[in-house]
Structure formats: C-alpha cells, structure tokens
Amino acid sequence: MPELPEVETICNGLNAMLPASRVLNHIVFHRKDLRFPLPVEHADWLHDAHLHSLTRRGKYLLFEWNNKTGECGFLINHLGMTGSWRRLAETEPVGKHDHVCLHWTTGEVFAYRDPRRFGSLQWSTTADGISALAEMGPEPLEKSWTSTVLHRSLEKRSGAIKQVLLDQKCVAGLGNIYVCEALFRAGIAPDQPASSLTPADCTVLYRTIRAVLRKAIKAGGSTISDFVQTGGGTGYFQHDFRVYGREGEPCSTCGTAIQKMTIAGRGTWWCPVCQPAS
C-alpha cells in the first residue's frame, strides 16, 4: 500500500497542481535518509531545474528534470506505506514529517510527507536506473499488455497465482488489494497454480485486472489506513471491496462467508464457492 491506483491518483493530482512553469527554485532535504539515503548531493544540480514530466511506473513516481545545462535526471519516489505529497499553504510551516520540500520559482512549496519513513526518493540519470524499475514487468493498463502476454508470463510459474501476480517482474503495480479483488471477479482461487491457468482463464483475468484498476483509479484509490490524495482527500474504492478485508462476511454474489488464508506471507481473502479450487 499504496498500489497502482493510489500512485496514479497522486500522480494525476500533482500534475494538476504543479506551477505552469514547472521550474524548481531549490529542493530542501530535511533529513539524510528514509528507507534509503536521500540524494542530498544533487540539491545543487536541481537548482533552477525544469520538471519535464511527472509520470508513474508501477508503484513509483518518476520526476524527470532538465537542469540549466540541459542534462537529464530523475527523482524516483516510492511512497512506502505512509508517503504522500501535499502543497503547503502560504506561510504554513514545514511539518514534522515533511522530509523533502520542492520550492518552485512561483513561491509554492510541495512537501513529501512520510510519518513511518518506509518510502524512498532516489536519483538516477535514466528512467529505469534503479533495479526495481529495470526488472519491472509490463504496465497492466497499456495496450501492449494483453491476455496472451499474461498467459506467457504464467505458463512456466508453478507458484500460486496470487503470489505470481504480486511479483512486479510479472506485471507492474499490482498489490494485495487489487489482486484479491481481481481474482474474485475472475472466479479464480488465489492458491491455484499460475501455470494451470488456460488461455481462456487468462482472458477473463486480464479483463478483470484492467476493469478493477480503472474503477479504482476513477474512485481515487482505496483508503483503508493512511492513504490520502494530493489534496488531502481520501479514496472511495474500499466501499466496493468484494473480498478484501471481509473475512466472515457474506459473499456479495452467493452469500457464502468470505474466508482468509495466507499466501506468501500476505493475507488473502476469497470465496470458496465463487472461486473453487481447480
């Protein structure tokens, strides 16, 4: 947490709020590290740099910069469990958990807040310059990702389908919430071996993954603990959960009690009737 829909929501929110010029006056690091050391040595490089683009890759935000000499660089942000971005109100002081601040030439300040400090902000000269991105699988909402691509990525994997879908090398951005919800809607048991899924199964799963992600993005993501949008609002997709976190409650389709198991150390919710074992 957060997963693809939450990161996409934050990315869209930031892009809508950024100053038109997108020129950074300076960056301030209020500590030396989060999950990893912060790139404090690049503060001078970023002085008067232009933000060329802000995009999402998997669960990461990619800030692409061009500095005064035309060089390109990336700040790659993972939000961890409690990371978020917010625009400070005029004269608002930097908060205790505002660890990195972007000061724009307009006078606006955007702060990266992370109370538990499990997030990261890393520097790279390329968009895939950290290993997690270099090894990342396809984006599930891109046209190039098809049911055929999904089937090929599963046919040699003997692990449980839930575990395989959580592997970012298989497909980017999926996490526990949306894998549970997609498998339920596809009628696939979470512990079914990935290699046992047929092309027809993969077609259904492919469609449900994309449908769940699109619906979650439209709802602004899911807020079940700490997630907040860029403007401070919460997501609403948690109100559409069919199985996630609903152990013992009746299935919305058949009325059977939702069950919970553990797969790869992760809580996994499912309906034994709607998702029968293969």
Protein backbone atom coordinates (compact mmCIF):
# COMPACT_ATOMS: atom_id res chain seq x y z
CA MET A 1 0.00 0.00 0.00
CA PRO A 2 -0.30 2.25 -1.92
CA GLU A 3 -0.73 0.31 -5.15
CA LEU A 4 -1.10 1.35 -8.80
CA PRO A 5 -4.46 3.18 -8.45
CA GLU A 6 -3.29 5.19 -5.45
CA VAL A 7 0.01 6.17 -7.08
CA GLU A 8 -1.81 7.08 -10.31
CA THR A 9 -4.22 9.22 -8.28
CA ILE A 10 -1.34 11.06 -6.60
CA CYS A 11 0.45 11.48 -9.95
CA ASN A 12 -2.66 12.99 -11.56
CA GLY A 13 -3.25 15.23 -8.56
CA LEU A 14 0.31 16.53 -8.55
CA ASN A 15 0.28 17.21 -12.29
CA ALA A 16 -2.92 19.23 -11.88
CA MET A 17 -1.43 21.32 -9.06
CA LEU A 18 2.06 21.97 -10.41
CA PRO A 19 3.01 25.55 -11.35
CA ALA A 20 2.69 26.24 -15.08
CA SER A 21 6.40 26.99 -15.48
CA ARG A 22 7.45 23.84 -13.59
CA VAL A 23 10.78 25.49 -12.73
CA LEU A 24 12.23 24.49 -9.38
CA ASN A 25 13.95 27.18 -7.36
CA HIS A 26 15.53 24.68 -4.99
CA ILE A 27 14.98 21.44 -3.09
CA VAL A 28 15.38 21.05 0.65
CA PHE A 29 16.11 17.71 2.34
CA HIS A 30 15.08 17.90 5.99
CA ARG A 31 16.79 14.60 6.82
CA LYS A 32 19.52 12.47 5.26
CA ASP A 33 17.60 9.27 4.69
CA LEU A 34 14.27 7.48 4.54
CA ARG A 35 14.23 3.83 3.57
CA PHE A 36 17.43 4.60 1.61
CA PRO A 37 19.80 7.59 1.76
CA LEU A 38 18.28 10.70 0.19
CA PRO A 39 20.11 12.19 -2.83
CA VAL A 40 21.18 15.30 -0.93
CA GLU A 41 24.27 15.63 -3.13
CA HIS A 42 22.03 16.55 -6.10
CA ALA A 43 20.47 19.61 -4.47
CA ASP A 44 22.73 21.97 -6.45
CA TRP A 45 22.03 20.08 -9.71
CA LEU A 46 18.30 20.69 -9.18
CA HIS A 47 18.65 24.43 -8.60
CA ASP A 48 16.57 26.16 -11.32
CA ALA A 49 15.87 22.77 -13.00
CA HIS A 50 12.76 22.32 -15.16
CA LEU A 51 10.37 19.46 -14.47
CA HIS A 52 10.00 17.88 -17.89
CA SER A 53 7.43 15.29 -16.81
CA LEU A 54 5.89 13.55 -13.83
CA THR A 55 4.73 10.01 -14.58
CA ARG A 56 4.00 6.72 -12.85
CA ARG A 57 5.78 3.40 -13.37
CA GLY A 58 4.34 0.54 -11.34
CA LYS A 59 4.13 1.85 -7.79
CA TYR A 60 6.74 4.56 -8.38
CA LEU A 61 6.53 8.26 -9.25
CA LEU A 62 9.13 9.47 -11.75
CA PHE A 63 10.07 13.16 -11.69
CA GLU A 64 12.08 13.85 -14.86
CA TRP A 65 14.20 17.00 -14.72
CA ASN A 66 16.34 19.04 -17.12
CA ASN A 67 18.88 21.30 -15.47
CA LYS A 68 20.34 24.58 -16.67
CA THR A 69 22.98 22.83 -18.79
CA GLY A 70 20.45 20.54 -20.48
CA GLU A 71 21.33 17.42 -18.52
CA CYS A 72 18.55 14.96 -17.63
CA GLY A 73 17.95 13.41 -14.23
CA PHE A 74 15.21 11.55 -12.37
CA LEU A 75 13.92 11.64 -8.82
CA ILE A 76 12.27 8.25 -8.33
CA ASN A 77 9.78 8.17 -5.48
CA HIS A 78 8.26 5.14 -3.78
CA LEU A 79 5.58 6.10 -1.27
CA GLY A 80 6.17 3.18 1.08
CA MET A 81 3.27 2.75 3.50
CA THR A 82 2.54 6.33 4.56
CA GLY A 83 4.12 8.58 1.94
CA SER A 84 2.14 11.42 0.35
CA TRP A 85 2.66 14.76 -1.37
CA ARG A 86 0.93 18.00 -0.42
CA ARG A 87 1.13 21.65 -1.30
CA LEU A 88 1.84 23.78 1.74
CA ALA A 89 -0.49 26.68 2.26
CA GLU A 90 1.06 30.14 2.12
CA THR A 91 3.11 30.79 5.31
CA GLU A 92 2.38 27.22 6.52
CA PRO A 93 5.42 25.86 8.36
CA VAL A 94 7.08 22.63 7.32
CA GLY A 95 5.64 19.77 9.36
CA LYS A 96 7.48 17.23 11.48
CA HIS A 97 7.04 14.52 8.84
CA ASP A 98 7.65 16.73 5.77
CA HIS A 99 11.04 15.27 4.88
CA VAL A 100 11.63 16.74 1.39
CA CYS A 101 10.34 20.06 0.05
CA LEU A 102 10.25 21.29 -3.55
CA HIS A 103 10.40 25.10 -3.65
CA TRP A 104 9.17 26.43 -7.01
CA THR A 105 10.07 29.77 -8.59
CA THR A 106 6.42 30.79 -8.07
CA GLY A 107 6.93 30.62 -4.31
CA GLU A 108 4.83 27.47 -3.93
CA VAL A 109 6.16 24.60 -1.84
CA PHE A 110 5.34 20.92 -2.30
CA ALA A 111 6.25 18.64 0.60
CA TYR A 112 6.82 14.90 0.69
CA ARG A 113 5.34 13.63 3.95
CA ASP A 114 6.13 10.17 5.33
CA PRO A 115 5.48 9.55 9.04
CA ARG A 116 6.77 5.96 9.08
CA ARG A 117 9.65 6.69 6.66
CA PHE A 118 9.28 3.47 4.63
CA GLY A 119 9.20 5.42 1.37
CA SER A 120 12.18 6.39 -0.74
CA LEU A 121 13.43 9.13 -3.04
CA GLN A 122 16.32 8.01 -5.25
CA TRP A 123 18.33 9.65 -8.01
CA SER A 124 19.04 8.26 -11.46
CA THR A 125 20.16 9.53 -14.85
CA THR A 126 17.70 7.16 -16.58
CA ALA A 127 14.05 6.25 -16.05
CA ASP A 128 14.94 2.66 -15.18
CA GLY A 129 18.14 3.42 -13.30
CA ILE A 130 17.23 1.51 -10.15
CA SER A 131 16.98 -2.27 -10.16
CA ALA A 132 13.30 -2.37 -9.19
CA LEU A 133 12.39 -0.45 -12.36
CA ALA A 134 14.91 -2.14 -14.64
CA GLU A 135 13.40 -5.54 -13.80
CA MET A 136 9.76 -4.44 -13.73
CA GLY A 137 7.14 -6.16 -15.86
CA PRO A 138 4.61 -4.57 -18.22
CA GLU A 139 2.04 -1.97 -17.22
CA PRO A 140 -1.39 -3.64 -16.94
CA LEU A 141 -3.27 -0.70 -18.47
CA GLU A 142 -1.06 -0.33 -21.54
CA LYS A 143 -2.19 -1.72 -24.91
CA SER A 144 0.96 -3.81 -25.18
CA TRP A 145 -0.14 -5.90 -22.18
CA THR A 146 -2.60 -8.48 -23.46
CA SER A 147 -4.14 -11.73 -22.24
CA THR A 148 -1.61 -13.56 -24.40
CA VAL A 149 1.27 -11.75 -22.70
CA LEU A 150 -0.25 -12.61 -19.33
CA HIS A 151 -0.60 -16.30 -20.24
CA ARG A 152 3.01 -16.48 -21.40
CA SER A 153 4.21 -14.96 -18.14
CA LEU A 154 2.24 -17.53 -16.12
CA GLU A 155 2.65 -20.77 -18.05
CA LYS A 156 6.02 -21.66 -16.50
CA ARG A 157 5.27 -20.40 -12.98
CA SER A 158 4.30 -23.14 -10.52
CA GLY A 159 3.56 -20.81 -7.61
CA ALA A 160 0.09 -19.74 -6.52
CA ILE A 161 -1.49 -17.25 -8.92
CA LYS A 162 -1.87 -14.74 -6.07
CA GLN A 163 1.86 -14.86 -5.33
CA VAL A 164 2.85 -14.61 -9.01
CA LEU A 165 0.65 -11.58 -9.67
CA LEU A 166 2.26 -9.80 -6.72
CA ASP A 167 5.65 -10.24 -8.38
CA GLN A 168 6.42 -6.90 -10.02
CA LYS A 169 8.50 -8.71 -12.64
CA CYS A 170 5.30 -10.38 -13.88
CA VAL A 171 3.12 -7.28 -14.07
CA ALA A 172 3.72 -3.81 -12.67
CA GLY A 173 1.81 -2.08 -9.91
CA LEU A 174 -0.42 -4.83 -8.56
CA GLY A 175 -0.60 -5.32 -4.81
CA ASN A 176 -2.57 -7.30 -2.28
CA ILE A 177 -5.85 -5.40 -2.53
CA TYR A 178 -6.31 -5.42 -6.28
CA VAL A 179 -5.02 -8.96 -6.81
CA CYS A 180 -7.57 -10.27 -4.28
CA GLU A 181 -10.36 -8.27 -5.91
CA ALA A 182 -9.42 -9.24 -9.48
CA LEU A 183 -9.13 -12.95 -8.68
CA PHE A 184 -12.57 -12.90 -7.06
CA ARG A 185 -14.16 -11.21 -10.04
CA ALA A 186 -12.41 -13.68 -12.36
CA GLY A 187 -13.60 -16.67 -10.32
CA ILE A 188 -10.05 -17.95 -9.81
CA ALA A 189 -8.88 -19.42 -6.49
CA PRO A 190 -5.89 -17.46 -5.16
CA ASP A 191 -3.91 -20.63 -4.42
CA GLN A 192 -4.39 -22.13 -7.88
CA PRO A 193 -1.03 -22.79 -9.59
CA ALA A 194 -0.32 -20.00 -12.06
CA SER A 195 0.79 -22.46 -14.72
CA SER A 196 -2.59 -24.20 -14.62
CA LEU A 197 -4.47 -21.18 -15.97
CA THR A 198 -5.65 -21.72 -19.53
CA PRO A 199 -5.65 -19.05 -22.24
CA ALA A 200 -9.39 -18.66 -21.57
CA ASP A 201 -8.74 -18.18 -17.85
CA CYS A 202 -6.12 -15.55 -18.65
CA THR A 203 -8.51 -13.69 -20.91
CA VAL A 204 -11.01 -13.39 -18.04
CA LEU A 205 -8.31 -12.48 -15.52
CA TYR A 206 -6.77 -9.92 -17.87
CA ARG A 207 -10.13 -8.20 -18.29
CA THR A 208 -10.92 -8.19 -14.58
CA ILE A 209 -7.50 -6.80 -13.61
CA ARG A 210 -7.91 -3.91 -16.02
CA ALA A 211 -11.53 -3.29 -15.01
CA VAL A 212 -10.70 -3.28 -11.28
CA LEU A 213 -7.75 -0.92 -11.74
CA ARG A 214 -9.73 1.51 -13.90
CA LYS A 215 -12.62 1.54 -11.44
CA ALA A 216 -10.24 2.10 -8.52
CA ILE A 217 -8.49 4.98 -10.29
CA LYS A 218 -11.86 6.57 -11.02
CA ALA A 219 -12.70 6.25 -7.31
CA GLY A 220 -9.41 7.89 -6.31
CA GLY A 221 -7.90 4.69 -4.95
CA SER A 222 -8.62 2.92 -1.67
CA THR A 223 -8.21 4.45 1.77
CA ILE A 224 -8.04 1.75 4.43
CA SER A 225 -5.41 3.29 6.72
CA ASP A 226 -3.01 6.08 5.78
CA PHE A 227 -3.54 6.79 2.08
CA VAL A 228 -4.54 10.34 1.19
CA GLN A 229 -4.70 12.05 -2.17
CA THR A 230 -2.52 15.05 -3.05
CA GLY A 231 -5.18 17.49 -1.86
CA GLY A 232 -5.70 15.57 1.38
CA GLY A 233 -8.88 13.73 0.34
CA THR A 234 -9.48 10.00 0.66
CA GLY A 235 -10.18 7.33 -1.92
CA TYR A 236 -13.51 5.52 -2.21
CA PHE A 237 -12.82 2.15 -3.82
CA GLN A 238 -12.77 0.47 -0.38
CA HIS A 239 -16.56 0.75 -0.45
CA ASP A 240 -16.56 -1.61 -3.45
CA PHE A 241 -14.40 -4.34 -1.93
CA ARG A 242 -15.94 -7.75 -2.62
CA VAL A 243 -13.49 -9.85 -0.59
CA TYR A 244 -10.52 -7.84 0.71
CA GLY A 245 -10.70 -7.49 4.50
CA ARG A 246 -14.17 -9.12 4.63
CA GLU A 247 -13.42 -12.41 6.40
CA GLY A 248 -16.61 -13.96 7.79
CA GLU A 249 -18.91 -11.58 5.92
CA PRO A 250 -21.32 -12.93 3.28
CA CYS A 251 -20.15 -13.02 -0.32
CA SER A 252 -21.94 -10.34 -2.34
CA THR A 253 -22.59 -12.91 -5.07
CA CYS A 254 -23.53 -16.19 -3.35
CA GLY A 255 -23.83 -15.36 0.37
CA THR A 256 -21.11 -17.79 1.48
CA ALA A 257 -18.83 -16.50 4.24
CA ILE A 258 -15.64 -14.95 2.88
CA GLN A 259 -12.57 -16.88 4.02
CA LYS A 260 -8.99 -15.84 4.66
CA MET A 261 -5.75 -17.69 4.03
CA THR A 262 -2.10 -16.68 3.94
CA ILE A 263 -0.16 -16.84 0.67
CA ALA A 264 3.48 -15.73 0.54
CA GLY A 265 3.04 -14.12 3.93
CA ARG A 266 0.13 -11.97 2.77
CA GLY A 267 -3.46 -12.09 3.99
CA THR A 268 -5.64 -13.37 1.17
CA TRP A 269 -9.43 -13.14 1.11
CA TRP A 270 -11.61 -15.28 -1.16
CA CYS A 271 -14.97 -17.00 -1.61
CA PRO A 272 -14.74 -20.82 -1.70
CA VAL A 273 -17.89 -21.08 -3.84
CA CYS A 274 -17.22 -18.33 -6.38
CA GLN A 275 -13.52 -19.22 -6.56
CA PRO A 276 -13.50 -23.04 -6.49
CA ALA A 277 -10.21 -24.92 -6.37
CA SER A 278 -9.05 -26.12 -9.79
